[in-house]
């Protein structure tokens, strides 16, 4: 979602990766330490905010219930994201959030995507 000021959860070199792009000025990555093995997996990205608008927080990736990566997101955009870029699943067709190192289209199957938000 977004581009200059957005986020993306994707596979890079087979590793689940989350990138938060802060207004095109700074990027924060959370990368799994392990690549996915063939087969079905449940992959979760969770962000625990430090609290408040514009604050950073801790990002964690789990694969099949086991922590596989974590990293610090230094800050977040204090307002809303632009509505003129896209919220895509399996592809990034708008302004790219990051350099994917290849295609921005998933070459696999997504059986289910769930997005949960909370305050």
PDB file of N, CA and C in Angstrom:
ATOM      1  N   UNK A   1       0.851  -1.175   0.000  1.00  0.00           N
ATOM      2  CA  UNK A   1       0.000   0.000   0.000  1.00  0.00           C
ATOM      3  C   UNK A   1       0.887   1.225   0.000  1.00  0.00           C
ATOM      4  N   UNK A   2       0.590   2.159  -0.836  1.00  0.00           N
ATOM      5  CA  UNK A   2       1.333   3.399  -0.837  1.00  0.00           C
ATOM      6  C   UNK A   2       2.424   3.396  -1.874  1.00  0.00           C
ATOM      7  N   UNK A   3       3.487   3.892  -1.600  1.00  0.00           N
ATOM      8  CA  UNK A   3       4.629   4.047  -2.479  1.00  0.00           C
ATOM      9  C   UNK A   3       5.570   4.917  -1.694  1.00  0.00           C
ATOM     10  N   UNK A   4       5.568   6.175  -2.017  1.00  0.00           N
ATOM     11  CA  UNK A   4       6.317   7.102  -1.184  1.00  0.00           C
ATOM     12  C   UNK A   4       5.460   7.393   0.042  1.00  0.00           C
ATOM     13  N   UNK A   5       5.621   6.575   1.024  1.00  0.00           N
ATOM     14  CA  UNK A   5       4.816   6.685   2.239  1.00  0.00           C
ATOM     15  C   UNK A   5       3.883   5.501   2.328  1.00  0.00           C
ATOM     16  N   UNK A   6       4.406   4.310   2.342  1.00  0.00           N
ATOM     17  CA  UNK A   6       3.558   3.124   2.399  1.00  0.00           C
ATOM     18  C   UNK A   6       4.288   1.934   2.972  1.00  0.00           C
ATOM     19  N   UNK A   7       3.667   0.781   2.836  1.00  0.00           N
ATOM     20  CA  UNK A   7       4.262  -0.431   3.369  1.00  0.00           C
ATOM     21  C   UNK A   7       3.973  -1.593   2.449  1.00  0.00           C
ATOM     22  N   UNK A   8       4.829  -2.634   2.553  1.00  0.00           N
ATOM     23  CA  UNK A   8       4.683  -3.805   1.715  1.00  0.00           C
ATOM     24  C   UNK A   8       5.179  -5.027   2.486  1.00  0.00           C
ATOM     25  N   UNK A   9       4.443  -6.126   2.370  1.00  0.00           N
ATOM     26  CA  UNK A   9       4.824  -7.411   2.948  1.00  0.00           C
ATOM     27  C   UNK A   9       4.990  -8.356   1.775  1.00  0.00           C
ATOM     28  N   UNK A  10       6.188  -8.899   1.585  1.00  0.00           N
ATOM     29  CA  UNK A  10       6.503  -9.623   0.356  1.00  0.00           C
ATOM     30  C   UNK A  10       7.596 -10.658   0.619  1.00  0.00           C
ATOM     31  N   UNK A  11       7.932 -11.428  -0.407  1.00  0.00           N
ATOM     32  CA  UNK A  11       9.030 -12.387  -0.328  1.00  0.00           C
ATOM     33  C   UNK A  11      10.217 -11.834  -1.101  1.00  0.00           C
ATOM     34  N   UNK A  12      11.387 -11.849  -0.477  1.00  0.00           N
ATOM     35  CA  UNK A  12      12.619 -11.434  -1.147  1.00  0.00           C
ATOM     36  C   UNK A  12      13.634 -12.542  -0.917  1.00  0.00           C
ATOM     37  N   UNK A  13      14.054 -13.185  -2.009  1.00  0.00           N
ATOM     38  CA  UNK A  13      14.938 -14.334  -1.879  1.00  0.00           C
ATOM     39  C   UNK A  13      14.280 -15.461  -1.100  1.00  0.00           C
ATOM     40  N   UNK A  14      12.949 -15.548  -1.185  1.00  0.00           N
ATOM     41  CA  UNK A  14      12.201 -16.581  -0.484  1.00  0.00           C
ATOM     42  C   UNK A  14      11.932 -16.275   0.976  1.00  0.00           C
ATOM     43  N   UNK A  15      12.443 -15.129   1.463  1.00  0.00           N
ATOM     44  CA  UNK A  15      12.263 -14.745   2.865  1.00  0.00           C
ATOM     45  C   UNK A  15      11.127 -13.737   3.014  1.00  0.00           C
ATOM     46  N   UNK A  16      10.175 -13.999   3.927  1.00  0.00           N
ATOM     47  CA  UNK A  16       9.151 -12.994   4.203  1.00  0.00           C
ATOM     48  C   UNK A  16       9.828 -11.693   4.673  1.00  0.00           C
ATOM     49  N   UNK A  17       9.416 -10.587   4.074  1.00  0.00           N
ATOM     50  CA  UNK A  17      10.034  -9.284   4.328  1.00  0.00           C
ATOM     51  C   UNK A  17       8.948  -8.227   4.426  1.00  0.00           C
ATOM     52  N   UNK A  18       9.093  -7.323   5.384  1.00  0.00           N
ATOM     53  CA  UNK A  18       8.184  -6.184   5.522  1.00  0.00           C
ATOM     54  C   UNK A  18       9.015  -4.920   5.369  1.00  0.00           C
ATOM     55  N   UNK A  19       8.554  -4.001   4.521  1.00  0.00           N
ATOM     56  CA  UNK A  19       9.210  -2.705   4.364  1.00  0.00           C
ATOM     57  C   UNK A  19       8.208  -1.605   4.671  1.00  0.00           C
ATOM     58  N   UNK A  20       8.622  -0.682   5.521  1.00  0.00           N
ATOM     59  CA  UNK A  20       7.842   0.527   5.793  1.00  0.00           C
ATOM     60  C   UNK A  20       8.614   1.686   5.180  1.00  0.00           C
ATOM     61  N   UNK A  21       7.996   2.362   4.227  1.00  0.00           N
ATOM     62  CA  UNK A  21       8.604   3.476   3.519  1.00  0.00           C
ATOM     63  C   UNK A  21       8.034   4.772   4.116  1.00  0.00           C
ATOM     64  N   UNK A  22       8.880   5.491   4.835  1.00  0.00           N
ATOM     65  CA  UNK A  22       8.458   6.735   5.480  1.00  0.00           C
ATOM     66  C   UNK A  22       8.587   7.898   4.495  1.00  0.00           C
ATOM     67  N   UNK A  23       7.499   8.176   3.803  1.00  0.00           N
ATOM     68  CA  UNK A  23       7.366   9.328   2.917  1.00  0.00           C
ATOM     69  C   UNK A  23       8.447   9.418   1.833  1.00  0.00           C
ATOM     70  N   UNK A  24       9.045   8.279   1.467  1.00  0.00           N
ATOM     71  CA  UNK A  24      10.098   8.275   0.473  1.00  0.00           C
ATOM     72  C   UNK A  24      11.421   8.804   1.000  1.00  0.00           C
ATOM     73  N   UNK A  25      11.482   9.113   2.292  1.00  0.00           N
ATOM     74  CA  UNK A  25      12.687   9.674   2.896  1.00  0.00           C
ATOM     75  C   UNK A  25      13.543   8.634   3.604  1.00  0.00           C
ATOM     76  N   UNK A  26      12.896   7.610   4.126  1.00  0.00           N
ATOM     77  CA  UNK A  26      13.587   6.613   4.926  1.00  0.00           C
ATOM     78  C   UNK A  26      12.817   5.295   4.833  1.00  0.00           C
ATOM     79  N   UNK A  27      13.536   4.186   4.810  1.00  0.00           N
ATOM     80  CA  UNK A  27      12.887   2.876   4.752  1.00  0.00           C
ATOM     81  C   UNK A  27      13.347   2.033   5.926  1.00  0.00           C
ATOM     82  N   UNK A  28      12.411   1.255   6.458  1.00  0.00           N
ATOM     83  CA  UNK A  28      12.686   0.340   7.557  1.00  0.00           C
ATOM     84  C   UNK A  28      12.275  -1.057   7.111  1.00  0.00           C
ATOM     85  N   UNK A  29      13.166  -2.028   7.289  1.00  0.00           N
ATOM     86  CA  UNK A  29      12.901  -3.402   6.867  1.00  0.00           C
ATOM     87  C   UNK A  29      12.885  -4.348   8.052  1.00  0.00           C
ATOM     88  N   UNK A  30      11.973  -5.299   8.012  1.00  0.00           N
ATOM     89  CA  UNK A  30      11.949  -6.430   8.942  1.00  0.00           C
ATOM     90  C   UNK A  30      12.019  -7.658   8.047  1.00  0.00           C
ATOM     91  N   UNK A  31      13.070  -8.478   8.227  1.00  0.00           N
ATOM     92  CA  UNK A  31      13.339  -9.590   7.309  1.00  0.00           C
ATOM     93  C   UNK A  31      13.437 -10.891   8.101  1.00  0.00           C
ATOM     94  N   UNK A  32      12.765 -11.903   7.604  1.00  0.00           N
ATOM     95  CA  UNK A  32      12.857 -13.228   8.204  1.00  0.00           C
ATOM     96  C   UNK A  32      14.287 -13.747   8.077  1.00  0.00           C
ATOM     97  N   UNK A  33      14.741 -14.469   9.079  1.00  0.00           N
ATOM     98  CA  UNK A  33      16.077 -15.061   9.024  1.00  0.00           C
ATOM     99  C   UNK A  33      16.096 -16.327   8.172  1.00  0.00           C
ATOM    100  N   UNK A  34      14.919 -16.826   7.821  1.00  0.00           N
ATOM    101  CA  UNK A  34      14.856 -18.066   7.046  1.00  0.00           C
ATOM    102  C   UNK A  34      13.927 -17.921   5.851  1.00  0.00           C
ATOM    103  N   UNK A  35      14.308 -18.601   4.774  1.00  0.00           N
ATOM    104  CA  UNK A  35      13.451 -18.651   3.589  1.00  0.00           C
ATOM    105  C   UNK A  35      12.359 -19.690   3.819  1.00  0.00           C
ATOM    106  N   UNK A  36      11.273 -19.540   3.110  1.00  0.00           N
ATOM    107  CA  UNK A  36      10.182 -20.506   3.210  1.00  0.00           C
ATOM    108  C   UNK A  36      10.562 -21.811   2.524  1.00  0.00           C
ATOM    109  N   UNK A  37      10.183 -22.904   3.134  1.00  0.00           N
ATOM    110  CA  UNK A  37      10.321 -24.205   2.480  1.00  0.00           C
ATOM    111  C   UNK A  37       9.091 -24.408   1.595  1.00  0.00           C
ATOM    112  N   UNK A  38       9.153 -25.319   0.621  1.00  0.00           N
ATOM    113  CA  UNK A  38       7.977 -25.574  -0.218  1.00  0.00           C
ATOM    114  C   UNK A  38       6.792 -26.024   0.635  1.00  0.00           C
ATOM    115  N   UNK A  39       5.586 -25.655   0.211  1.00  0.00           N
ATOM    116  CA  UNK A  39       4.367 -26.060   0.909  1.00  0.00           C
ATOM    117  C   UNK A  39       3.625 -24.879   1.498  1.00  0.00           C
ATOM    118  N   UNK A  40       2.554 -25.184   2.193  1.00  0.00           N
ATOM    119  CA  UNK A  40       1.703 -24.154   2.804  1.00  0.00           C
ATOM    120  C   UNK A  40       2.300 -23.688   4.129  1.00  0.00           C
ATOM    121  N   UNK A  41       2.150 -22.396   4.378  1.00  0.00           N
ATOM    122  CA  UNK A  41       2.647 -21.795   5.614  1.00  0.00           C
ATOM    123  C   UNK A  41       1.676 -20.709   6.067  1.00  0.00           C
ATOM    124  N   UNK A  42       1.694 -20.438   7.351  1.00  0.00           N
ATOM    125  CA  UNK A  42       1.000 -19.280   7.900  1.00  0.00           C
ATOM    126  C   UNK A  42       2.076 -18.278   8.288  1.00  0.00           C
ATOM    127  N   UNK A  43       2.057 -17.130   7.629  1.00  0.00           N
ATOM    128  CA  UNK A  43       3.051 -16.083   7.854  1.00  0.00           C
ATOM    129  C   UNK A  43       2.328 -14.881   8.452  1.00  0.00           C
ATOM    130  N   UNK A  44       2.855 -14.363   9.550  1.00  0.00           N
ATOM    131  CA  UNK A  44       2.218 -13.240  10.240  1.00  0.00           C
ATOM    132  C   UNK A  44       3.241 -12.126  10.433  1.00  0.00           C
ATOM    133  N   UNK A  45       2.820 -10.901  10.130  1.00  0.00           N
ATOM    134  CA  UNK A  45       3.594  -9.712  10.482  1.00  0.00           C
ATOM    135  C   UNK A  45       2.795  -8.976  11.537  1.00  0.00           C
ATOM    136  N   UNK A  46       3.444  -8.644  12.643  1.00  0.00           N
ATOM    137  CA  UNK A  46       2.781  -7.895  13.714  1.00  0.00           C
ATOM    138  C   UNK A  46       3.611  -6.668  14.051  1.00  0.00           C
ATOM    139  N   UNK A  47       2.924  -5.536  14.219  1.00  0.00           N
ATOM    140  CA  UNK A  47       3.578  -4.284  14.583  1.00  0.00           C
ATOM    141  C   UNK A  47       3.052  -3.850  15.939  1.00  0.00           C
ATOM    142  N   UNK A  48       3.949  -3.651  16.885  1.00  0.00           N
ATOM    143  CA  UNK A  48       3.581  -3.143  18.210  1.00  0.00           C
ATOM    144  C   UNK A  48       4.109  -1.722  18.315  1.00  0.00           C
ATOM    145  N   UNK A  49       3.181  -0.776  18.281  1.00  0.00           N
ATOM    146  CA  UNK A  49       3.519   0.643  18.295  1.00  0.00           C
ATOM    147  C   UNK A  49       4.006   1.089  19.674  1.00  0.00           C
ATOM    148  N   UNK A  50       4.876   2.097  19.651  1.00  0.00           N
ATOM    149  CA  UNK A  50       5.290   2.743  20.884  1.00  0.00           C
ATOM    150  C   UNK A  50       4.166   3.617  21.436  1.00  0.00           C
ATOM    151  N   UNK A  51       3.114   3.818  20.639  1.00  0.00           N
ATOM    152  CA  UNK A  51       1.941   4.585  21.072  1.00  0.00           C
ATOM    153  C   UNK A  51       1.977   6.019  20.583  1.00  0.00           C
ATOM    154  N   UNK A  52       0.900   6.435  19.922  1.00  0.00           N
ATOM    155  CA  UNK A  52       0.785   7.814  19.471  1.00  0.00           C
ATOM    156  C   UNK A  52       1.109   7.999  18.003  1.00  0.00           C
ATOM    157  N   UNK A  53       0.598   9.089  17.451  1.00  0.00           N
ATOM    158  CA  UNK A  53       0.809   9.410  16.037  1.00  0.00           C
ATOM    159  C   UNK A  53       2.281   9.641  15.751  1.00  0.00           C
ATOM    160  N   UNK A  54       2.753   9.056  14.658  1.00  0.00           N
ATOM    161  CA  UNK A  54       4.115   9.253  14.213  1.00  0.00           C
ATOM    162  C   UNK A  54       5.166   8.449  14.966  1.00  0.00           C
ATOM    163  N   UNK A  55       4.754   7.722  15.978  1.00  0.00           N
ATOM    164  CA  UNK A  55       5.703   6.936  16.768  1.00  0.00           C
ATOM    165  C   UNK A  55       6.134   5.688  16.006  1.00  0.00           C
ATOM    166  N   UNK A  56       7.253   5.142  16.392  1.00  0.00           N
ATOM    167  CA  UNK A  56       7.751   3.911  15.807  1.00  0.00           C
ATOM    168  C   UNK A  56       7.227   2.716  16.575  1.00  0.00           C
ATOM    169  N   UNK A  57       7.923   1.611  16.419  1.00  0.00           N
ATOM    170  CA  UNK A  57       7.524   0.403  17.126  1.00  0.00           C
ATOM    171  C   UNK A  57       8.358  -0.783  16.678  1.00  0.00           C
ATOM    172  N   UNK A  58       7.959  -1.958  17.145  1.00  0.00           N
ATOM    173  CA  UNK A  58       8.668  -3.197  16.853  1.00  0.00           C
ATOM    174  C   UNK A  58       7.852  -4.035  15.880  1.00  0.00           C
ATOM    175  N   UNK A  59       8.497  -4.495  14.817  1.00  0.00           N
ATOM    176  CA  UNK A  59       7.866  -5.384  13.856  1.00  0.00           C
ATOM    177  C   UNK A  59       8.384  -6.795  14.042  1.00  0.00           C
ATOM    178  N   UNK A  60       7.481  -7.780  13.977  1.00  0.00           N
ATOM    179  CA  UNK A  60       7.855  -9.180  14.147  1.00  0.00           C
ATOM    180  C   UNK A  60       7.216 -10.023  13.048  1.00  0.00           C
ATOM    181  N   UNK A  61       7.996 -10.933  12.476  1.00  0.00           N
ATOM    182  CA  UNK A  61       7.496 -11.889  11.495  1.00  0.00           C
ATOM    183  C   UNK A  61       7.526 -13.270  12.140  1.00  0.00           C
ATOM    184  N   UNK A  62       6.418 -13.992  12.036  1.00  0.00           N
ATOM    185  CA  UNK A  62       6.394 -15.389  12.468  1.00  0.00           C
ATOM    186  C   UNK A  62       6.004 -16.262  11.282  1.00  0.00           C
ATOM    187  N   UNK A  63       6.586 -17.468  11.271  1.00  0.00           N
ATOM    188  CA  UNK A  63       6.255 -18.465  10.254  1.00  0.00           C
ATOM    189  C   UNK A  63       5.762 -19.689  11.000  1.00  0.00           C
ATOM    190  N   UNK A  64       4.521 -20.067  10.733  1.00  0.00           N
ATOM    191  CA  UNK A  64       3.910 -21.232  11.374  1.00  0.00           C
ATOM    192  C   UNK A  64       4.037 -21.166  12.896  1.00  0.00           C
ATOM    193  N   UNK A  65       3.860 -19.952  13.456  1.00  0.00           N
ATOM    194  CA  UNK A  65       3.851 -19.750  14.904  1.00  0.00           C
ATOM    195  C   UNK A  65       5.210 -19.568  15.548  1.00  0.00           C
ATOM    196  N   UNK A  66       6.297 -19.627  14.775  1.00  0.00           N
ATOM    197  CA  UNK A  66       7.644 -19.468  15.317  1.00  0.00           C
ATOM    198  C   UNK A  66       8.240 -18.150  14.834  1.00  0.00           C
ATOM    199  N   UNK A  67       8.786 -17.350  15.775  1.00  0.00           N
ATOM    200  CA  UNK A  67       9.385 -16.074  15.389  1.00  0.00           C
ATOM    201  C   UNK A  67      10.536 -16.305  14.424  1.00  0.00           C
ATOM    202  N   UNK A  68      10.505 -15.592  13.289  1.00  0.00           N
ATOM    203  CA  UNK A  68      11.512 -15.764  12.245  1.00  0.00           C
ATOM    204  C   UNK A  68      12.287 -14.478  11.980  1.00  0.00           C
ATOM    205  N   UNK A  69      11.800 -13.353  12.486  1.00  0.00           N
ATOM    206  CA  UNK A  69      12.491 -12.091  12.270  1.00  0.00           C
ATOM    207  C   UNK A  69      11.837 -10.975  13.049  1.00  0.00           C
ATOM    208  N   UNK A  70      12.635  -9.983  13.406  1.00  0.00           N
ATOM    209  CA  UNK A  70      12.086  -8.801  14.065  1.00  0.00           C
ATOM    210  C   UNK A  70      12.985  -7.618  13.770  1.00  0.00           C
ATOM    211  N   UNK A  71      12.409  -6.441  13.874  1.00  0.00           N
ATOM    212  CA  UNK A  71      13.166  -5.229  13.606  1.00  0.00           C
ATOM    213  C   UNK A  71      12.414  -4.005  14.057  1.00  0.00           C
ATOM    214  N   UNK A  72      13.140  -2.929  14.145  1.00  0.00           N
ATOM    215  CA  UNK A  72      12.605  -1.658  14.628  1.00  0.00           C
ATOM    216  C   UNK A  72      12.134  -0.810  13.453  1.00  0.00           C
ATOM    217  N   UNK A  73      10.918  -0.302  13.573  1.00  0.00           N
ATOM    218  CA  UNK A  73      10.396   0.713  12.656  1.00  0.00           C
ATOM    219  C   UNK A  73      10.563   2.029  13.414  1.00  0.00           C
ATOM    220  N   UNK A  74      11.449   2.891  12.950  1.00  0.00           N
ATOM    221  CA  UNK A  74      11.836   4.076  13.713  1.00  0.00           C
ATOM    222  C   UNK A  74      10.756   5.124  13.890  1.00  0.00           C
ATOM    223  N   UNK A  75       9.891   5.257  12.902  1.00  0.00           N
ATOM    224  CA  UNK A  75       8.806   6.242  12.967  1.00  0.00           C
ATOM    225  C   UNK A  75       7.761   5.870  11.939  1.00  0.00           C
ATOM    226  N   UNK A  76       6.578   6.408  12.109  1.00  0.00           N
ATOM    227  CA  UNK A  76       5.485   6.164  11.164  1.00  0.00           C
ATOM    228  C   UNK A  76       4.861   7.491  10.759  1.00  0.00           C
ATOM    229  N   UNK A  77       4.202   7.466   9.632  1.00  0.00           N
ATOM    230  CA  UNK A  77       3.541   8.656   9.130  1.00  0.00           C
ATOM    231  C   UNK A  77       2.423   9.044  10.087  1.00  0.00           C
ATOM    232  N   UNK A  78       2.392  10.303  10.556  1.00  0.00           N
ATOM    233  CA  UNK A  78       1.384  10.699  11.542  1.00  0.00           C
ATOM    234  C   UNK A  78      -0.011  10.944  10.962  1.00  0.00           C
ATOM    235  N   UNK A  79      -0.145  10.935   9.640  1.00  0.00           N
ATOM    236  CA  UNK A  79      -1.443  11.167   9.015  1.00  0.00           C
ATOM    237  C   UNK A  79      -1.886   9.950   8.227  1.00  0.00           C
ATOM    238  N   UNK A  80      -2.799  10.166   7.301  1.00  0.00           N
ATOM    239  CA  UNK A  80      -3.299   9.068   6.477  1.00  0.00           C
ATOM    240  C   UNK A  80      -2.434   8.906   5.227  1.00  0.00           C
ATOM    241  N   UNK A  81      -2.499   7.711   4.619  1.00  0.00           N
ATOM    242  CA  UNK A  81      -1.810   7.483   3.364  1.00  0.00           C
ATOM    243  C   UNK A  81      -2.634   8.038   2.219  1.00  0.00           C
ATOM    244  N   UNK A  82      -1.959   8.343   1.127  1.00  0.00           N
ATOM    245  CA  UNK A  82      -2.624   8.822  -0.075  1.00  0.00           C
ATOM    246  C   UNK A  82      -3.614   7.777  -0.589  1.00  0.00           C
ATOM    247  N   UNK A  83      -4.734   8.244  -1.096  1.00  0.00           N
ATOM    248  CA  UNK A  83      -5.723   7.326  -1.653  1.00  0.00           C
ATOM    249  C   UNK A  83      -5.572   7.195  -3.174  1.00  0.00           C
ATOM    250  N   UNK A  84      -4.566   7.867  -3.755  1.00  0.00           N
ATOM    251  CA  UNK A  84      -4.407   7.779  -5.204  1.00  0.00           C
ATOM    252  C   UNK A  84      -3.386   6.721  -5.630  1.00  0.00           C
ATOM    253  N   UNK A  85      -2.825   5.993  -4.663  1.00  0.00           N
ATOM    254  CA  UNK A  85      -1.983   4.844  -4.989  1.00  0.00           C
ATOM    255  C   UNK A  85      -2.785   3.614  -4.598  1.00  0.00           C
ATOM    256  N   UNK A  86      -2.218   2.447  -4.769  1.00  0.00           N
ATOM    257  CA  UNK A  86      -3.021   1.236  -4.680  1.00  0.00           C
ATOM    258  C   UNK A  86      -2.780   0.447  -3.402  1.00  0.00           C
ATOM    259  N   UNK A  87      -3.774  -0.340  -3.036  1.00  0.00           N
ATOM    260  CA  UNK A  87      -3.644  -1.356  -1.992  1.00  0.00           C
ATOM    261  C   UNK A  87      -3.775  -2.694  -2.713  1.00  0.00           C
ATOM    262  N   UNK A  88      -2.635  -3.315  -3.012  1.00  0.00           N
ATOM    263  CA  UNK A  88      -2.611  -4.517  -3.839  1.00  0.00           C
ATOM    264  C   UNK A  88      -2.338  -5.761  -2.999  1.00  0.00           C
ATOM    265  N   UNK A  89      -2.738  -6.901  -3.509  1.00  0.00           N
ATOM    266  CA  UNK A  89      -2.419  -8.200  -2.910  1.00  0.00           C
ATOM    267  C   UNK A  89      -1.777  -9.058  -3.999  1.00  0.00           C
ATOM    268  N   UNK A  90      -0.553  -9.525  -3.740  1.00  0.00           N
ATOM    269  CA  UNK A  90       0.155 -10.367  -4.705  1.00  0.00           C
ATOM    270  C   UNK A  90       0.906  -9.604  -5.774  1.00  0.00           C
ATOM    271  N   UNK A  91       0.853  -8.277  -5.718  1.00  0.00           N
ATOM    272  CA  UNK A  91       1.529  -7.442  -6.707  1.00  0.00           C
ATOM    273  C   UNK A  91       1.674  -6.031  -6.142  1.00  0.00           C
ATOM    274  N   UNK A  92       2.547  -5.240  -6.729  1.00  0.00           N
ATOM    275  CA  UNK A  92       2.661  -3.820  -6.386  1.00  0.00           C
ATOM    276  C   UNK A  92       2.631  -3.067  -7.700  1.00  0.00           C
ATOM    277  N   UNK A  93       1.437  -2.678  -8.116  1.00  0.00           N
ATOM    278  CA  UNK A  93       1.247  -2.088  -9.439  1.00  0.00           C
ATOM    279  C   UNK A  93       1.381  -0.571  -9.472  1.00  0.00           C
ATOM    280  N   UNK A  94       1.350   0.074  -8.327  1.00  0.00           N
ATOM    281  CA  UNK A  94       1.475   1.530  -8.298  1.00  0.00           C
ATOM    282  C   UNK A  94       2.925   1.945  -8.141  1.00  0.00           C
ATOM    283  N   UNK A  95       3.137   3.069  -7.481  1.00  0.00           N
ATOM    284  CA  UNK A  95       4.485   3.504  -7.165  1.00  0.00           C
ATOM    285  C   UNK A  95       5.103   2.465  -6.240  1.00  0.00           C
ATOM    286  N   UNK A  96       6.248   1.873  -6.587  1.00  0.00           N
ATOM    287  CA  UNK A  96       6.789   0.803  -5.748  1.00  0.00           C
ATOM    288  C   UNK A  96       7.174   1.301  -4.356  1.00  0.00           C
ATOM    289  N   UNK A  97       6.838   0.524  -3.354  1.00  0.00           N
ATOM    290  CA  UNK A  97       7.176   0.848  -1.973  1.00  0.00           C
ATOM    291  C   UNK A  97       8.681   0.712  -1.756  1.00  0.00           C
ATOM    292  N   UNK A  98       9.297  -0.261  -2.429  1.00  0.00           N
ATOM    293  CA  UNK A  98      10.710  -0.553  -2.240  1.00  0.00           C
ATOM    294  C   UNK A  98      11.285  -1.156  -3.518  1.00  0.00           C
ATOM    295  N   UNK A  99      12.583  -1.397  -3.536  1.00  0.00           N
ATOM    296  CA  UNK A  99      13.208  -2.117  -4.636  1.00  0.00           C
ATOM    297  C   UNK A  99      13.080  -3.602  -4.323  1.00  0.00           C
ATOM    298  N   UNK A 100      12.226  -4.277  -5.036  1.00  0.00           N
ATOM    299  CA  UNK A 100      11.947  -5.686  -4.764  1.00  0.00           C
ATOM    300  C   UNK A 100      13.069  -6.609  -5.235  1.00  0.00           C
ATOM    301  N   UNK A 101      14.030  -6.091  -5.973  1.00  0.00           N
ATOM    302  CA  UNK A 101      15.119  -6.922  -6.461  1.00  0.00           C
ATOM    303  C   UNK A 101      14.675  -7.865  -7.565  1.00  0.00           C
ATOM    304  N   UNK A 102      13.623  -7.541  -8.234  1.00  0.00           N
ATOM    305  CA  UNK A 102      13.061  -8.370  -9.299  1.00  0.00           C
ATOM    306  C   UNK A 102      11.619  -7.954  -9.527  1.00  0.00           C
ATOM    307  N   UNK A 103      10.812  -8.894  -9.883  1.00  0.00           N
ATOM    308  CA  UNK A 103       9.404  -8.624 -10.164  1.00  0.00           C
ATOM    309  C   UNK A 103       8.646  -8.216  -8.902  1.00  0.00           C
ATOM    310  N   UNK A 104       7.683  -7.346  -9.073  1.00  0.00           N
ATOM    311  CA  UNK A 104       6.813  -6.957  -7.952  1.00  0.00           C
ATOM    312  C   UNK A 104       5.532  -7.792  -7.947  1.00  0.00           C
ATOM    313  N   UNK A 105       5.543  -8.908  -8.669  1.00  0.00           N
ATOM    314  CA  UNK A 105       4.403  -9.824  -8.723  1.00  0.00           C
ATOM    315  C   UNK A 105       4.777 -11.147  -8.058  1.00  0.00           C
ATOM    316  N   UNK A 106       3.935 -11.628  -7.163  1.00  0.00           N
ATOM    317  CA  UNK A 106       4.170 -12.901  -6.479  1.00  0.00           C
ATOM    318  C   UNK A 106       4.076 -14.053  -7.473  1.00  0.00           C
ATOM    319  N   UNK A 107       5.061 -14.931  -7.427  1.00  0.00           N
ATOM    320  CA  UNK A 107       5.041 -16.120  -8.275  1.00  0.00           C
ATOM    321  C   UNK A 107       4.724 -17.317  -7.391  1.00  0.00           C
ATOM    322  N   UNK A 108       3.544 -17.341  -6.853  1.00  0.00           N
ATOM    323  CA  UNK A 108       3.105 -18.400  -5.944  1.00  0.00           C
ATOM    324  C   UNK A 108       1.609 -18.275  -5.740  1.00  0.00           C
ATOM    325  N   UNK A 109       1.111 -18.940  -4.735  1.00  0.00           N
ATOM    326  CA  UNK A 109      -0.329 -18.925  -4.461  1.00  0.00           C
ATOM    327  C   UNK A 109      -0.590 -18.392  -3.067  1.00  0.00           C
ATOM    328  N   UNK A 110      -1.475 -17.427  -2.979  1.00  0.00           N
ATOM    329  CA  UNK A 110      -1.966 -16.942  -1.695  1.00  0.00           C
ATOM    330  C   UNK A 110      -3.338 -17.565  -1.477  1.00  0.00           C
ATOM    331  N   UNK A 111      -3.458 -18.392  -0.459  1.00  0.00           N
ATOM    332  CA  UNK A 111      -4.755 -19.006  -0.188  1.00  0.00           C
ATOM    333  C   UNK A 111      -5.666 -18.099   0.617  1.00  0.00           C
ATOM    334  N   UNK A 112      -5.073 -17.276   1.457  1.00  0.00           N
ATOM    335  CA  UNK A 112      -5.880 -16.408   2.318  1.00  0.00           C
ATOM    336  C   UNK A 112      -5.006 -15.258   2.816  1.00  0.00           C
ATOM    337  N   UNK A 113      -5.571 -14.060   2.842  1.00  0.00           N
ATOM    338  CA  UNK A 113      -4.904 -12.895   3.398  1.00  0.00           C
ATOM    339  C   UNK A 113      -5.861 -12.265   4.409  1.00  0.00           C
ATOM    340  N   UNK A 114      -5.375 -12.066   5.625  1.00  0.00           N
ATOM    341  CA  UNK A 114      -6.181 -11.433   6.671  1.00  0.00           C
ATOM    342  C   UNK A 114      -5.415 -10.224   7.187  1.00  0.00           C
ATOM    343  N   UNK A 115      -6.086  -9.090   7.265  1.00  0.00           N
ATOM    344  CA  UNK A 115      -5.486  -7.878   7.808  1.00  0.00           C
ATOM    345  C   UNK A 115      -6.316  -7.460   9.018  1.00  0.00           C
ATOM    346  N   UNK A 116      -5.643  -7.328  10.160  1.00  0.00           N
ATOM    347  CA  UNK A 116      -6.316  -6.901  11.389  1.00  0.00           C
ATOM    348  C   UNK A 116      -5.653  -5.638  11.877  1.00  0.00           C
ATOM    349  N   UNK A 117      -6.458  -4.693  12.312  1.00  0.00           N
ATOM    350  CA  UNK A 117      -5.938  -3.475  12.909  1.00  0.00           C
ATOM    351  C   UNK A 117      -6.571  -3.297  14.282  1.00  0.00           C
ATOM    352  N   UNK A 118      -5.866  -2.609  15.135  1.00  0.00           N
ATOM    353  CA  UNK A 118      -6.401  -2.301  16.462  1.00  0.00           C
ATOM    354  C   UNK A 118      -5.745  -1.040  16.976  1.00  0.00           C
ATOM    355  N   UNK A 119      -6.331  -0.476  17.984  1.00  0.00           N
ATOM    356  CA  UNK A 119      -5.764   0.738  18.599  1.00  0.00           C
ATOM    357  C   UNK A 119      -5.023   0.380  19.846  1.00  0.00           C
TER     358      UNK A 119
END
